[in-house]
Amino acid sequence: MRVAIIGAGLQARRRAAAIRKLGDELAVVCTAHDETARKLAKEMDCEHSTEWT
């Protein structure tokens, strides 16, 4: 399953790790804060975005 996460804080990091552990694909991290999205996306090897519409 491909999954997107909205937000890039502590809970997003926990969810990203759980997604990986389950064998699913984290497709994108989306948050209003570009630098935060970039950082988590780089760690999780996925895309990032500041727009979710």
N, C-alpha and C. Protein backbone atom coordinates (compact mmCIF):
# COMPACT_ATOMS: atom_id res chain seq x y z
N MET A 1 0.84 -1.16 0.00
CA MET A 1 0.00 0.00 0.00
C MET A 1 0.90 1.23 0.00
N ARG A 2 0.51 2.23 -0.76
CA ARG A 2 1.22 3.52 -0.78
C ARG A 2 0.51 4.45 0.19
N VAL A 3 1.28 5.12 1.04
CA VAL A 3 0.72 5.93 2.11
C VAL A 3 1.30 7.33 2.07
N ALA A 4 0.47 8.32 2.40
CA ALA A 4 0.92 9.71 2.55
C ALA A 4 0.73 10.10 4.01
N ILE A 5 1.61 10.93 4.51
CA ILE A 5 1.49 11.46 5.86
C ILE A 5 1.37 12.97 5.77
N ILE A 6 0.38 13.52 6.47
CA ILE A 6 0.24 14.97 6.58
C ILE A 6 0.82 15.35 7.93
N GLY A 7 1.83 16.21 7.87
CA GLY A 7 2.55 16.61 9.07
C GLY A 7 3.92 15.95 9.09
N ALA A 8 4.83 16.53 9.85
CA ALA A 8 6.19 15.97 9.90
C ALA A 8 6.79 16.07 11.29
N GLY A 9 5.93 16.07 12.28
CA GLY A 9 6.39 16.14 13.66
C GLY A 9 6.65 14.77 14.24
N LEU A 10 6.64 14.70 15.56
CA LEU A 10 6.95 13.46 16.26
C LEU A 10 6.01 12.32 15.87
N GLN A 11 4.72 12.58 15.84
CA GLN A 11 3.76 11.52 15.48
C GLN A 11 3.97 11.06 14.04
N ALA A 12 4.29 11.99 13.15
CA ALA A 12 4.54 11.61 11.75
C ALA A 12 5.75 10.69 11.66
N ARG A 13 6.78 10.97 12.43
CA ARG A 13 7.98 10.12 12.44
C ARG A 13 7.64 8.72 12.95
N ARG A 14 6.82 8.66 13.98
CA ARG A 14 6.42 7.35 14.50
C ARG A 14 5.59 6.60 13.47
N ARG A 15 4.68 7.30 12.83
CA ARG A 15 3.84 6.65 11.82
C ARG A 15 4.67 6.20 10.62
N ALA A 16 5.63 7.02 10.21
CA ALA A 16 6.50 6.64 9.09
C ALA A 16 7.25 5.36 9.39
N ALA A 17 7.76 5.26 10.61
CA ALA A 17 8.49 4.04 11.00
C ALA A 17 7.55 2.84 10.99
N ALA A 18 6.32 3.02 11.47
CA ALA A 18 5.35 1.92 11.50
C ALA A 18 4.97 1.49 10.08
N ILE A 19 4.83 2.45 9.19
CA ILE A 19 4.50 2.15 7.79
C ILE A 19 5.59 1.28 7.18
N ARG A 20 6.83 1.68 7.40
CA ARG A 20 7.96 0.91 6.89
C ARG A 20 7.99 -0.49 7.49
N LYS A 21 7.78 -0.56 8.80
CA LYS A 21 7.84 -1.85 9.50
C LYS A 21 6.79 -2.82 8.96
N LEU A 22 5.64 -2.29 8.57
CA LEU A 22 4.57 -3.12 8.01
C LEU A 22 4.83 -3.53 6.56
N GLY A 23 5.86 -2.93 5.96
CA GLY A 23 6.20 -3.27 4.59
C GLY A 23 5.48 -2.44 3.56
N ASP A 24 4.80 -1.38 4.01
CA ASP A 24 4.12 -0.49 3.07
C ASP A 24 5.07 0.61 2.61
N GLU A 25 4.66 1.33 1.59
CA GLU A 25 5.50 2.38 1.01
C GLU A 25 5.02 3.75 1.46
N LEU A 26 5.91 4.52 2.05
CA LEU A 26 5.61 5.92 2.35
C LEU A 26 5.89 6.70 1.08
N ALA A 27 4.83 7.20 0.46
CA ALA A 27 4.96 7.86 -0.83
C ALA A 27 5.30 9.34 -0.70
N VAL A 28 4.70 10.03 0.28
CA VAL A 28 4.91 11.47 0.39
C VAL A 28 4.66 11.94 1.82
N VAL A 29 5.44 12.93 2.22
CA VAL A 29 5.23 13.66 3.47
C VAL A 29 4.78 15.05 3.08
N CYS A 30 3.67 15.48 3.64
CA CYS A 30 3.11 16.77 3.27
C CYS A 30 2.89 17.62 4.52
N THR A 31 3.45 18.80 4.53
CA THR A 31 3.25 19.73 5.63
C THR A 31 3.45 21.16 5.13
N ALA A 32 2.95 22.11 5.87
CA ALA A 32 3.08 23.51 5.48
C ALA A 32 4.51 24.01 5.63
N HIS A 33 5.33 23.29 6.38
CA HIS A 33 6.71 23.70 6.65
C HIS A 33 7.66 22.92 5.75
N ASP A 34 8.11 23.57 4.68
CA ASP A 34 8.91 22.91 3.65
C ASP A 34 10.15 22.23 4.20
N GLU A 35 10.92 22.90 5.03
CA GLU A 35 12.17 22.32 5.52
C GLU A 35 11.92 21.07 6.36
N THR A 36 10.87 21.09 7.16
CA THR A 36 10.53 19.93 7.98
C THR A 36 10.12 18.77 7.09
N ALA A 37 9.33 19.05 6.06
CA ALA A 37 8.91 18.01 5.12
C ALA A 37 10.12 17.42 4.39
N ARG A 38 11.01 18.28 3.96
CA ARG A 38 12.22 17.81 3.26
C ARG A 38 13.05 16.87 4.13
N LYS A 39 13.22 17.26 5.37
CA LYS A 39 14.06 16.48 6.28
C LYS A 39 13.50 15.08 6.50
N LEU A 40 12.21 14.99 6.81
CA LEU A 40 11.60 13.69 7.05
C LEU A 40 11.57 12.87 5.75
N ALA A 41 11.25 13.51 4.64
CA ALA A 41 11.21 12.80 3.37
C ALA A 41 12.58 12.24 3.00
N LYS A 42 13.62 13.00 3.28
CA LYS A 42 14.97 12.51 2.99
C LYS A 42 15.29 11.29 3.86
N GLU A 43 14.93 11.36 5.15
CA GLU A 43 15.18 10.24 6.05
C GLU A 43 14.41 8.99 5.63
N MET A 44 13.21 9.18 5.09
CA MET A 44 12.34 8.06 4.73
C MET A 44 12.41 7.70 3.24
N ASP A 45 13.25 8.41 2.49
CA ASP A 45 13.42 8.15 1.06
C ASP A 45 12.08 8.21 0.31
N CYS A 46 11.40 9.36 0.46
CA CYS A 46 10.13 9.55 -0.24
C CYS A 46 10.03 11.00 -0.71
N GLU A 47 8.94 11.32 -1.36
CA GLU A 47 8.70 12.68 -1.84
C GLU A 47 8.24 13.56 -0.69
N HIS A 48 8.27 14.88 -0.91
CA HIS A 48 7.72 15.82 0.05
C HIS A 48 6.94 16.90 -0.68
N SER A 49 6.03 17.54 0.04
CA SER A 49 5.20 18.57 -0.55
C SER A 49 4.70 19.53 0.53
N THR A 50 4.38 20.73 0.12
CA THR A 50 3.74 21.68 1.04
C THR A 50 2.30 21.93 0.62
N GLU A 51 1.83 21.23 -0.39
CA GLU A 51 0.46 21.40 -0.87
C GLU A 51 -0.25 20.06 -0.88
N TRP A 52 -1.44 20.01 -0.33
CA TRP A 52 -2.19 18.75 -0.28
C TRP A 52 -3.56 18.89 -0.93
N THR A 53 -3.75 19.94 -1.71
CA THR A 53 -5.04 20.11 -2.41
C THR A 53 -4.95 19.65 -3.83
